[in-house]
């Protein structure tokens, strides 16, 4: 475990970084769609209780001032935002909209963190 992958206050989440600190929205959506609901639930259950404190921590930092460790924490939270509807609303990775969301193509990726 590397002590510099996340801000010191969030080192307990380091085990999530390799698999869940995903850089792009398309890759986050793909991770959700290709994971089992059990895998998504395990990620959600570990990060969700720390989400409010992570958001409060990041809220005090401008995007321009994000360090590498801050950006990794942000990516974890962005993945949580991608996964949460599957857990909280649908109970399945693909949602319940009737259309395979992989058919939708992201045209522009807004700034990467």
N, C-alpha and C. Protein backbone atom coordinates (compact mmCIF):
# COMPACT_ATOMS: atom_id res chain seq x y z
N UNK A 1 0.84 -1.17 0.00
CA UNK A 1 0.00 0.00 0.00
C UNK A 1 0.89 1.24 0.00
N UNK A 2 0.66 2.11 -0.94
CA UNK A 2 1.46 3.33 -1.05
C UNK A 2 0.81 4.45 -0.24
N UNK A 3 1.56 5.08 0.66
CA UNK A 3 0.96 6.11 1.52
C UNK A 3 0.65 7.43 0.79
N UNK A 4 1.07 7.58 -0.45
CA UNK A 4 0.87 8.86 -1.12
C UNK A 4 -0.15 8.80 -2.26
N UNK A 5 -0.99 7.79 -2.29
CA UNK A 5 -1.98 7.69 -3.36
C UNK A 5 -3.25 8.49 -3.05
N UNK A 6 -3.53 8.70 -1.78
CA UNK A 6 -4.70 9.46 -1.33
C UNK A 6 -4.26 10.43 -0.25
N UNK A 7 -5.03 11.50 -0.04
CA UNK A 7 -4.72 12.38 1.09
C UNK A 7 -4.67 11.56 2.39
N UNK A 8 -3.85 11.96 3.31
CA UNK A 8 -3.60 11.19 4.53
C UNK A 8 -4.90 10.84 5.27
N UNK A 9 -5.88 11.72 5.23
CA UNK A 9 -7.15 11.47 5.93
C UNK A 9 -7.93 10.30 5.35
N UNK A 10 -7.55 9.87 4.14
CA UNK A 10 -8.32 8.85 3.43
C UNK A 10 -7.49 7.62 3.06
N UNK A 11 -6.40 7.41 3.78
CA UNK A 11 -5.54 6.25 3.50
C UNK A 11 -6.28 4.93 3.68
N UNK A 12 -7.34 4.93 4.49
CA UNK A 12 -8.10 3.69 4.68
C UNK A 12 -8.81 3.25 3.40
N UNK A 13 -8.90 4.12 2.42
CA UNK A 13 -9.55 3.80 1.14
C UNK A 13 -8.55 3.38 0.06
N UNK A 14 -7.30 3.28 0.42
CA UNK A 14 -6.25 2.99 -0.56
C UNK A 14 -6.50 1.70 -1.34
N UNK A 15 -7.11 0.73 -0.72
CA UNK A 15 -7.38 -0.53 -1.38
C UNK A 15 -8.36 -0.42 -2.55
N UNK A 16 -9.05 0.71 -2.66
CA UNK A 16 -9.99 0.93 -3.76
C UNK A 16 -9.34 1.55 -4.99
N UNK A 17 -8.19 2.16 -4.81
CA UNK A 17 -7.61 3.01 -5.85
C UNK A 17 -7.35 2.28 -7.16
N UNK A 18 -6.66 1.17 -7.13
CA UNK A 18 -6.28 0.49 -8.37
C UNK A 18 -7.48 0.15 -9.25
N UNK A 19 -8.54 -0.31 -8.62
CA UNK A 19 -9.69 -0.77 -9.39
C UNK A 19 -10.73 0.31 -9.65
N UNK A 20 -10.85 1.30 -8.74
CA UNK A 20 -12.01 2.19 -8.79
C UNK A 20 -11.70 3.67 -9.01
N UNK A 21 -10.46 4.11 -8.98
CA UNK A 21 -10.13 5.51 -9.27
C UNK A 21 -9.98 5.66 -10.78
N UNK A 22 -11.12 5.72 -11.46
CA UNK A 22 -11.18 5.61 -12.91
C UNK A 22 -11.21 7.01 -13.52
N UNK A 23 -10.39 7.22 -14.55
CA UNK A 23 -10.12 8.56 -15.07
C UNK A 23 -11.22 9.16 -15.93
N UNK A 24 -11.98 8.38 -16.67
CA UNK A 24 -12.95 8.98 -17.60
C UNK A 24 -14.36 8.49 -17.30
N UNK A 25 -15.34 9.29 -17.69
CA UNK A 25 -16.73 8.90 -17.46
C UNK A 25 -17.09 7.66 -18.26
N UNK A 26 -16.58 7.54 -19.48
CA UNK A 26 -16.86 6.36 -20.29
C UNK A 26 -16.30 5.10 -19.62
N UNK A 27 -15.10 5.18 -19.08
CA UNK A 27 -14.50 4.03 -18.40
C UNK A 27 -15.24 3.71 -17.10
N UNK A 28 -15.73 4.74 -16.41
CA UNK A 28 -16.52 4.49 -15.19
C UNK A 28 -17.83 3.79 -15.54
N UNK A 29 -18.49 4.22 -16.60
CA UNK A 29 -19.73 3.57 -17.03
C UNK A 29 -19.47 2.13 -17.43
N UNK A 30 -18.38 1.90 -18.15
CA UNK A 30 -18.04 0.55 -18.55
C UNK A 30 -17.77 -0.34 -17.34
N UNK A 31 -17.08 0.20 -16.34
CA UNK A 31 -16.81 -0.57 -15.12
C UNK A 31 -18.12 -0.96 -14.44
N UNK A 32 -19.06 -0.03 -14.37
CA UNK A 32 -20.36 -0.34 -13.77
C UNK A 32 -21.07 -1.44 -14.55
N UNK A 33 -21.08 -1.30 -15.86
CA UNK A 33 -21.81 -2.25 -16.70
C UNK A 33 -21.19 -3.64 -16.74
N UNK A 34 -19.90 -3.74 -16.53
CA UNK A 34 -19.22 -5.03 -16.61
C UNK A 34 -18.97 -5.66 -15.24
N UNK A 35 -19.42 -5.01 -14.19
CA UNK A 35 -19.26 -5.54 -12.83
C UNK A 35 -20.55 -6.21 -12.38
N UNK A 36 -20.42 -7.14 -11.46
CA UNK A 36 -21.62 -7.72 -10.85
C UNK A 36 -22.18 -6.74 -9.83
N UNK A 37 -23.44 -6.90 -9.51
CA UNK A 37 -24.04 -6.04 -8.50
C UNK A 37 -23.36 -6.25 -7.15
N UNK A 38 -22.87 -7.45 -6.90
CA UNK A 38 -22.16 -7.74 -5.64
C UNK A 38 -20.83 -6.97 -5.57
N UNK A 39 -20.13 -6.90 -6.69
CA UNK A 39 -18.87 -6.14 -6.73
C UNK A 39 -19.14 -4.66 -6.54
N UNK A 40 -20.16 -4.16 -7.21
CA UNK A 40 -20.54 -2.75 -7.06
C UNK A 40 -20.94 -2.45 -5.62
N UNK A 41 -21.69 -3.36 -5.02
CA UNK A 41 -22.15 -3.18 -3.62
C UNK A 41 -20.96 -3.13 -2.68
N UNK A 42 -19.96 -3.99 -2.87
CA UNK A 42 -18.79 -3.99 -2.00
C UNK A 42 -18.04 -2.65 -2.09
N UNK A 43 -17.88 -2.13 -3.30
CA UNK A 43 -17.25 -0.82 -3.48
C UNK A 43 -18.08 0.26 -2.80
N UNK A 44 -19.36 0.28 -3.09
CA UNK A 44 -20.29 1.27 -2.53
C UNK A 44 -20.25 1.23 -1.00
N UNK A 45 -20.34 0.04 -0.42
CA UNK A 45 -20.37 -0.09 1.03
C UNK A 45 -19.10 0.40 1.70
N UNK A 46 -17.98 0.31 1.00
CA UNK A 46 -16.73 0.78 1.58
C UNK A 46 -16.56 2.29 1.44
N UNK A 47 -16.97 2.86 0.32
CA UNK A 47 -16.72 4.29 0.08
C UNK A 47 -17.85 5.19 0.56
N UNK A 48 -19.08 4.77 0.43
CA UNK A 48 -20.21 5.65 0.73
C UNK A 48 -20.17 6.25 2.15
N UNK A 49 -19.81 5.49 3.18
CA UNK A 49 -19.76 6.09 4.52
C UNK A 49 -18.71 7.21 4.65
N UNK A 50 -17.74 7.24 3.76
CA UNK A 50 -16.68 8.27 3.81
C UNK A 50 -16.91 9.38 2.79
N UNK A 51 -17.96 9.26 2.00
CA UNK A 51 -18.18 10.20 0.90
C UNK A 51 -18.40 11.63 1.39
N UNK A 52 -19.19 11.83 2.42
CA UNK A 52 -19.45 13.20 2.90
C UNK A 52 -18.16 13.88 3.36
N UNK A 53 -17.32 13.16 4.08
CA UNK A 53 -16.06 13.77 4.52
C UNK A 53 -15.11 14.00 3.35
N UNK A 54 -15.12 13.10 2.37
CA UNK A 54 -14.29 13.29 1.18
C UNK A 54 -14.76 14.51 0.38
N UNK A 55 -16.07 14.65 0.24
CA UNK A 55 -16.60 15.82 -0.47
C UNK A 55 -16.27 17.11 0.26
N UNK A 56 -16.40 17.11 1.58
CA UNK A 56 -16.05 18.30 2.36
C UNK A 56 -14.57 18.65 2.19
N UNK A 57 -13.73 17.64 2.21
CA UNK A 57 -12.30 17.85 2.00
C UNK A 57 -12.04 18.49 0.64
N UNK A 58 -12.63 17.93 -0.40
CA UNK A 58 -12.38 18.43 -1.77
C UNK A 58 -13.03 19.78 -2.03
N UNK A 59 -14.12 20.06 -1.35
CA UNK A 59 -14.82 21.34 -1.54
C UNK A 59 -13.93 22.52 -1.20
N UNK A 60 -12.98 22.32 -0.33
CA UNK A 60 -12.09 23.40 0.09
C UNK A 60 -10.94 23.64 -0.89
N UNK A 61 -10.88 22.87 -1.97
CA UNK A 61 -9.76 22.94 -2.91
C UNK A 61 -10.28 23.30 -4.30
N UNK A 62 -9.64 24.25 -4.96
CA UNK A 62 -10.02 24.56 -6.34
C UNK A 62 -9.48 23.47 -7.26
N UNK A 63 -10.10 23.31 -8.42
CA UNK A 63 -9.60 22.30 -9.37
C UNK A 63 -8.16 22.55 -9.76
N UNK A 64 -7.80 23.81 -9.88
CA UNK A 64 -6.42 24.15 -10.26
C UNK A 64 -5.42 23.77 -9.18
N UNK A 65 -5.88 23.69 -7.94
CA UNK A 65 -4.98 23.38 -6.83
C UNK A 65 -4.97 21.90 -6.46
N UNK A 66 -5.73 21.07 -7.17
CA UNK A 66 -5.76 19.65 -6.85
C UNK A 66 -4.38 19.02 -6.98
N UNK A 67 -3.98 18.30 -5.97
CA UNK A 67 -2.75 17.51 -6.05
C UNK A 67 -3.09 16.17 -6.70
N UNK A 68 -2.11 15.38 -6.97
CA UNK A 68 -2.34 14.04 -7.53
C UNK A 68 -3.18 13.20 -6.57
N UNK A 69 -2.89 13.29 -5.29
CA UNK A 69 -3.66 12.51 -4.32
C UNK A 69 -5.10 13.01 -4.23
N UNK A 70 -5.30 14.32 -4.30
CA UNK A 70 -6.66 14.87 -4.30
C UNK A 70 -7.44 14.40 -5.53
N UNK A 71 -6.79 14.39 -6.68
CA UNK A 71 -7.44 13.97 -7.92
C UNK A 71 -7.82 12.49 -7.85
N UNK A 72 -7.02 11.69 -7.21
CA UNK A 72 -7.35 10.28 -7.04
C UNK A 72 -8.60 10.13 -6.17
N UNK A 73 -8.69 10.90 -5.11
CA UNK A 73 -9.88 10.88 -4.26
C UNK A 73 -11.11 11.33 -5.06
N UNK A 74 -10.96 12.36 -5.87
CA UNK A 74 -12.06 12.83 -6.71
C UNK A 74 -12.51 11.74 -7.68
N UNK A 75 -11.58 11.05 -8.28
CA UNK A 75 -11.94 9.97 -9.20
C UNK A 75 -12.71 8.85 -8.49
N UNK A 76 -12.33 8.54 -7.26
CA UNK A 76 -13.10 7.55 -6.49
C UNK A 76 -14.53 8.02 -6.30
N UNK A 77 -14.70 9.30 -5.97
CA UNK A 77 -16.05 9.84 -5.76
C UNK A 77 -16.85 9.89 -7.06
N UNK A 78 -16.20 10.17 -8.16
CA UNK A 78 -16.90 10.16 -9.45
C UNK A 78 -17.36 8.74 -9.79
N UNK A 79 -16.55 7.76 -9.46
CA UNK A 79 -16.97 6.37 -9.67
C UNK A 79 -18.12 6.02 -8.74
N UNK A 80 -18.09 6.50 -7.52
CA UNK A 80 -19.21 6.28 -6.60
C UNK A 80 -20.50 6.87 -7.17
N UNK A 81 -20.40 8.07 -7.76
CA UNK A 81 -21.57 8.69 -8.37
C UNK A 81 -22.10 7.85 -9.53
N UNK A 82 -21.23 7.20 -10.26
CA UNK A 82 -21.63 6.33 -11.36
C UNK A 82 -22.30 5.06 -10.85
N UNK A 83 -21.80 4.52 -9.77
CA UNK A 83 -22.28 3.25 -9.24
C UNK A 83 -23.54 3.41 -8.38
N UNK A 84 -23.70 4.52 -7.71
CA UNK A 84 -24.78 4.69 -6.73
C UNK A 84 -26.17 4.40 -7.26
N UNK A 85 -26.57 4.89 -8.44
CA UNK A 85 -27.92 4.56 -8.92
C UNK A 85 -28.15 3.06 -9.08
N UNK A 86 -27.14 2.33 -9.49
CA UNK A 86 -27.27 0.88 -9.64
C UNK A 86 -27.58 0.23 -8.29
N UNK A 87 -26.99 0.76 -7.23
CA UNK A 87 -27.20 0.22 -5.89
C UNK A 87 -28.49 0.75 -5.27
N UNK A 88 -28.66 2.07 -5.30
CA UNK A 88 -29.75 2.71 -4.58
C UNK A 88 -31.11 2.63 -5.28
N UNK A 89 -31.11 2.60 -6.60
CA UNK A 89 -32.38 2.66 -7.33
C UNK A 89 -32.72 1.38 -8.07
N UNK A 90 -31.75 0.82 -8.78
CA UNK A 90 -32.06 -0.24 -9.73
C UNK A 90 -31.80 -1.66 -9.23
N UNK A 91 -30.81 -1.82 -8.35
CA UNK A 91 -30.46 -3.16 -7.89
C UNK A 91 -29.81 -4.02 -8.96
N UNK A 92 -29.30 -3.36 -9.98
CA UNK A 92 -28.59 -4.07 -11.07
C UNK A 92 -27.65 -3.10 -11.77
N UNK A 93 -26.57 -3.60 -12.34
CA UNK A 93 -25.55 -2.72 -12.93
C UNK A 93 -26.02 -1.89 -14.11
N UNK A 94 -26.97 -2.41 -14.89
CA UNK A 94 -27.34 -1.73 -16.13
C UNK A 94 -28.54 -0.81 -16.00
N UNK A 95 -29.04 -0.59 -14.82
CA UNK A 95 -30.21 0.27 -14.68
C UNK A 95 -31.44 -0.43 -15.21
N UNK A 96 -32.48 0.32 -15.42
CA UNK A 96 -33.74 -0.29 -15.85
C UNK A 96 -34.37 0.52 -16.97
N UNK A 97 -33.56 1.08 -17.83
CA UNK A 97 -34.07 1.99 -18.83
C UNK A 97 -34.48 1.30 -20.14
N UNK A 98 -34.22 0.03 -20.29
CA UNK A 98 -34.64 -0.69 -21.47
C UNK A 98 -33.69 -0.61 -22.65
N UNK A 99 -32.72 0.28 -22.62
CA UNK A 99 -31.75 0.40 -23.70
C UNK A 99 -30.35 0.18 -23.14
N UNK A 100 -29.55 -0.55 -23.84
CA UNK A 100 -28.17 -0.77 -23.41
C UNK A 100 -27.43 0.57 -23.48
N UNK A 101 -27.02 1.09 -22.34
CA UNK A 101 -26.38 2.41 -22.30
C UNK A 101 -25.04 2.44 -23.02
N UNK A 102 -24.47 1.27 -23.33
CA UNK A 102 -23.22 1.26 -24.09
C UNK A 102 -23.43 1.72 -25.53
N UNK A 103 -24.69 1.80 -25.94
CA UNK A 103 -25.00 2.31 -27.28
C UNK A 103 -24.81 3.83 -27.34
N UNK A 104 -24.85 4.50 -26.19
CA UNK A 104 -24.65 5.95 -26.15
C UNK A 104 -23.16 6.24 -26.21
N UNK A 105 -22.77 7.18 -26.99
CA UNK A 105 -21.35 7.53 -27.14
C UNK A 105 -21.10 8.93 -26.60
N UNK A 106 -20.11 9.04 -25.76
CA UNK A 106 -19.69 10.32 -25.23
C UNK A 106 -18.95 11.07 -26.33
N UNK A 107 -19.39 12.25 -26.67
CA UNK A 107 -18.79 13.01 -27.76
C UNK A 107 -17.60 13.82 -27.26
N UNK A 108 -17.76 14.45 -26.11
CA UNK A 108 -16.69 15.29 -25.56
C UNK A 108 -16.47 14.88 -24.11
N UNK A 109 -15.24 14.63 -23.76
CA UNK A 109 -14.88 14.35 -22.37
C UNK A 109 -14.46 15.68 -21.77
N UNK A 110 -15.21 16.16 -20.80
CA UNK A 110 -14.89 17.44 -20.17
C UNK A 110 -13.76 17.23 -19.19
N UNK A 111 -12.69 17.97 -19.34
CA UNK A 111 -11.53 17.94 -18.46
C UNK A 111 -11.31 16.67 -17.68
N UNK A 112 -10.16 16.15 -17.74
CA UNK A 112 -9.82 14.94 -16.99
C UNK A 112 -9.11 15.33 -15.71
N UNK A 113 -9.41 14.59 -14.65
CA UNK A 113 -8.72 14.78 -13.38
C UNK A 113 -8.00 13.53 -12.99
